[in-house]
Amino acid sequence: MEYKVVPFVALIDHKSGTSDHVAEQLEKLINQGAKEGWNYVRLESVTTQVSPDTGCFGFGGRPAYTTTRQMVVFSRS
């Protein structure tokens, strides 16, 4: 079994964007994977700790933070 993981970031207009627009983008990604022979498995959330750029204290220092990314998981035999 082989796996492929692709980041998924939906882009919508802040005024007119709807969950339908997000669904259409995800559907397009899944269909593109299927055309390439991949089977959709699931949408996975990955939480990551991001280290500070220049230290967490002092002038210009930024503390570390946590971010979550959505990843689309595909598989094929």
N, C-alpha and C. Protein backbone atom coordinates (compact mmCIF):
# COMPACT_ATOMS: atom_id res chain seq x y z
N MET A 1 0.85 -1.18 0.00
CA MET A 1 0.00 0.00 0.00
C MET A 1 0.90 1.24 0.00
N GLU A 2 0.52 2.22 -0.78
CA GLU A 2 1.25 3.48 -0.89
C GLU A 2 0.32 4.62 -0.48
N TYR A 3 0.87 5.62 0.20
CA TYR A 3 0.07 6.75 0.65
C TYR A 3 0.62 8.06 0.10
N LYS A 4 -0.28 9.02 -0.04
CA LYS A 4 0.08 10.37 -0.47
C LYS A 4 -0.70 11.33 0.42
N VAL A 5 -0.02 12.35 0.95
CA VAL A 5 -0.67 13.33 1.82
C VAL A 5 -0.47 14.71 1.19
N VAL A 6 -1.57 15.45 1.04
CA VAL A 6 -1.56 16.74 0.38
C VAL A 6 -2.20 17.78 1.30
N PRO A 7 -1.55 18.95 1.49
CA PRO A 7 -2.18 19.99 2.31
C PRO A 7 -3.46 20.51 1.65
N PHE A 8 -4.44 20.84 2.48
CA PHE A 8 -5.68 21.42 1.97
C PHE A 8 -5.96 22.72 2.71
N VAL A 9 -5.95 23.81 1.95
CA VAL A 9 -6.30 25.12 2.49
C VAL A 9 -7.36 25.71 1.57
N ALA A 10 -8.56 25.83 2.07
CA ALA A 10 -9.64 26.37 1.26
C ALA A 10 -9.52 27.89 1.20
N LEU A 11 -9.77 28.45 0.03
CA LEU A 11 -9.74 29.89 -0.15
C LEU A 11 -11.15 30.37 -0.51
N ILE A 12 -11.68 31.25 0.33
CA ILE A 12 -13.01 31.80 0.05
C ILE A 12 -13.01 33.30 0.29
N ASP A 13 -13.91 33.98 -0.36
CA ASP A 13 -14.12 35.41 -0.16
C ASP A 13 -14.76 35.61 1.21
N HIS A 14 -14.22 36.53 1.99
CA HIS A 14 -14.73 36.72 3.35
C HIS A 14 -16.16 37.26 3.39
N LYS A 15 -16.64 37.83 2.30
CA LYS A 15 -18.00 38.37 2.27
C LYS A 15 -19.01 37.39 1.67
N SER A 16 -18.62 36.72 0.60
CA SER A 16 -19.59 35.88 -0.10
C SER A 16 -19.27 34.39 -0.04
N GLY A 17 -18.15 34.03 0.56
CA GLY A 17 -17.76 32.62 0.62
C GLY A 17 -18.66 31.82 1.55
N THR A 18 -18.94 30.59 1.16
CA THR A 18 -19.80 29.72 1.97
C THR A 18 -19.12 28.36 2.14
N SER A 19 -19.70 27.54 2.98
CA SER A 19 -19.17 26.20 3.16
C SER A 19 -19.28 25.39 1.86
N ASP A 20 -20.22 25.75 1.00
CA ASP A 20 -20.33 25.09 -0.31
C ASP A 20 -19.06 25.32 -1.14
N HIS A 21 -18.50 26.53 -1.04
CA HIS A 21 -17.28 26.84 -1.78
C HIS A 21 -16.11 25.99 -1.26
N VAL A 22 -16.05 25.79 0.04
CA VAL A 22 -15.01 24.95 0.63
C VAL A 22 -15.19 23.51 0.16
N ALA A 23 -16.42 23.02 0.18
CA ALA A 23 -16.72 21.66 -0.25
C ALA A 23 -16.34 21.45 -1.72
N GLU A 24 -16.60 22.44 -2.56
CA GLU A 24 -16.25 22.34 -3.98
C GLU A 24 -14.74 22.23 -4.17
N GLN A 25 -13.97 22.98 -3.39
CA GLN A 25 -12.51 22.91 -3.50
C GLN A 25 -11.99 21.55 -3.05
N LEU A 26 -12.55 21.03 -1.97
CA LEU A 26 -12.13 19.71 -1.49
C LEU A 26 -12.53 18.64 -2.50
N GLU A 27 -13.72 18.74 -3.05
CA GLU A 27 -14.18 17.79 -4.06
C GLU A 27 -13.27 17.80 -5.28
N LYS A 28 -12.85 18.98 -5.71
CA LYS A 28 -11.96 19.11 -6.86
C LYS A 28 -10.63 18.41 -6.57
N LEU A 29 -10.09 18.60 -5.36
CA LEU A 29 -8.83 17.95 -4.99
C LEU A 29 -8.97 16.43 -4.96
N ILE A 30 -10.08 15.94 -4.41
CA ILE A 30 -10.32 14.50 -4.35
C ILE A 30 -10.48 13.92 -5.76
N ASN A 31 -11.22 14.61 -6.62
CA ASN A 31 -11.41 14.13 -7.99
C ASN A 31 -10.09 14.14 -8.78
N GLN A 32 -9.24 15.14 -8.54
CA GLN A 32 -7.94 15.19 -9.22
C GLN A 32 -7.09 14.00 -8.77
N GLY A 33 -7.11 13.70 -7.48
CA GLY A 33 -6.39 12.53 -6.98
C GLY A 33 -6.90 11.25 -7.61
N ALA A 34 -8.21 11.13 -7.75
CA ALA A 34 -8.81 9.93 -8.36
C ALA A 34 -8.37 9.77 -9.82
N LYS A 35 -8.29 10.88 -10.55
CA LYS A 35 -7.83 10.83 -11.94
C LYS A 35 -6.40 10.32 -12.03
N GLU A 36 -5.61 10.56 -10.98
CA GLU A 36 -4.21 10.13 -10.94
C GLU A 36 -4.05 8.74 -10.32
N GLY A 37 -5.19 8.08 -10.03
CA GLY A 37 -5.14 6.72 -9.50
C GLY A 37 -5.11 6.61 -7.98
N TRP A 38 -5.37 7.69 -7.29
CA TRP A 38 -5.35 7.69 -5.82
C TRP A 38 -6.76 7.58 -5.27
N ASN A 39 -6.92 6.87 -4.16
CA ASN A 39 -8.20 6.74 -3.47
C ASN A 39 -8.20 7.64 -2.24
N TYR A 40 -9.24 8.42 -2.11
CA TYR A 40 -9.37 9.30 -0.94
C TYR A 40 -9.55 8.44 0.31
N VAL A 41 -8.80 8.75 1.37
CA VAL A 41 -8.91 8.03 2.64
C VAL A 41 -9.63 8.90 3.66
N ARG A 42 -9.08 10.09 3.94
CA ARG A 42 -9.70 10.98 4.93
C ARG A 42 -9.04 12.35 4.92
N LEU A 43 -9.69 13.28 5.60
CA LEU A 43 -9.14 14.61 5.86
C LEU A 43 -8.62 14.58 7.29
N GLU A 44 -7.35 14.88 7.47
CA GLU A 44 -6.70 14.75 8.76
C GLU A 44 -6.23 16.12 9.25
N SER A 45 -6.42 16.42 10.54
CA SER A 45 -5.89 17.64 11.14
C SER A 45 -4.55 17.33 11.78
N VAL A 46 -3.55 18.15 11.46
CA VAL A 46 -2.21 17.97 12.02
C VAL A 46 -1.86 19.24 12.80
N THR A 47 -1.60 19.08 14.09
CA THR A 47 -1.24 20.21 14.93
C THR A 47 0.26 20.24 15.10
N THR A 48 0.84 21.43 14.92
CA THR A 48 2.29 21.59 14.95
C THR A 48 2.67 22.75 15.86
N GLN A 49 3.75 22.57 16.62
CA GLN A 49 4.32 23.63 17.44
C GLN A 49 5.36 24.35 16.59
N VAL A 50 5.20 25.66 16.41
CA VAL A 50 6.12 26.46 15.61
C VAL A 50 7.06 27.20 16.55
N SER A 51 8.36 27.00 16.38
CA SER A 51 9.36 27.64 17.23
C SER A 51 9.41 29.13 16.97
N PRO A 52 9.83 29.92 17.96
CA PRO A 52 9.94 31.38 17.75
C PRO A 52 11.05 31.71 16.76
N ASP A 53 10.90 32.85 16.07
CA ASP A 53 11.89 33.28 15.08
C ASP A 53 13.18 33.77 15.73
N THR A 54 13.04 34.71 16.65
CA THR A 54 14.24 35.34 17.21
C THR A 54 14.27 35.22 18.73
N GLY A 55 13.66 34.20 19.26
CA GLY A 55 13.58 34.08 20.72
C GLY A 55 12.24 34.57 21.19
N CYS A 56 11.88 34.20 22.39
CA CYS A 56 10.53 34.54 22.85
C CYS A 56 10.50 35.78 23.75
N PHE A 57 11.65 36.37 24.04
CA PHE A 57 11.68 37.55 24.89
C PHE A 57 12.53 38.64 24.24
N GLY A 58 12.38 39.84 24.70
CA GLY A 58 13.21 40.95 24.21
C GLY A 58 12.64 41.61 22.98
N PHE A 59 13.39 42.55 22.45
CA PHE A 59 12.97 43.35 21.31
C PHE A 59 12.77 42.46 20.08
N GLY A 60 11.59 42.50 19.51
CA GLY A 60 11.29 41.73 18.30
C GLY A 60 11.06 40.26 18.53
N GLY A 61 11.13 39.83 19.77
CA GLY A 61 10.92 38.42 20.07
C GLY A 61 9.47 38.01 19.88
N ARG A 62 9.27 36.83 19.37
CA ARG A 62 7.91 36.29 19.19
C ARG A 62 7.86 34.92 19.86
N PRO A 63 6.84 34.69 20.66
CA PRO A 63 6.74 33.39 21.31
C PRO A 63 6.37 32.28 20.33
N ALA A 64 6.66 31.06 20.72
CA ALA A 64 6.24 29.91 19.91
C ALA A 64 4.72 29.86 19.90
N TYR A 65 4.16 29.21 18.89
CA TYR A 65 2.71 29.08 18.82
C TYR A 65 2.35 27.74 18.19
N THR A 66 1.10 27.38 18.35
CA THR A 66 0.59 26.13 17.79
C THR A 66 -0.31 26.46 16.61
N THR A 67 -0.19 25.68 15.55
CA THR A 67 -1.04 25.85 14.38
C THR A 67 -1.58 24.50 13.94
N THR A 68 -2.72 24.51 13.31
CA THR A 68 -3.33 23.28 12.82
C THR A 68 -3.51 23.38 11.31
N ARG A 69 -3.11 22.35 10.62
CA ARG A 69 -3.24 22.27 9.16
C ARG A 69 -4.11 21.08 8.80
N GLN A 70 -4.83 21.21 7.70
CA GLN A 70 -5.66 20.12 7.19
C GLN A 70 -4.89 19.40 6.08
N MET A 71 -4.85 18.09 6.16
CA MET A 71 -4.14 17.28 5.17
C MET A 71 -5.11 16.24 4.60
N VAL A 72 -5.10 16.11 3.27
CA VAL A 72 -5.91 15.10 2.60
C VAL A 72 -5.05 13.87 2.39
N VAL A 73 -5.54 12.72 2.85
CA VAL A 73 -4.81 11.46 2.76
C VAL A 73 -5.40 10.62 1.63
N PHE A 74 -4.51 10.18 0.73
CA PHE A 74 -4.88 9.30 -0.37
C PHE A 74 -4.10 7.99 -0.23
N SER A 75 -4.60 6.93 -0.84
CA SER A 75 -3.85 5.66 -0.88
C SER A 75 -4.06 4.99 -2.22
N ARG A 76 -3.17 4.06 -2.52
CA ARG A 76 -3.35 3.18 -3.69
C ARG A 76 -2.51 1.92 -3.47
N SER A 77 -2.93 0.86 -4.12
CA SER A 77 -2.24 -0.43 -3.98
C SER A 77 -1.13 -0.58 -4.98
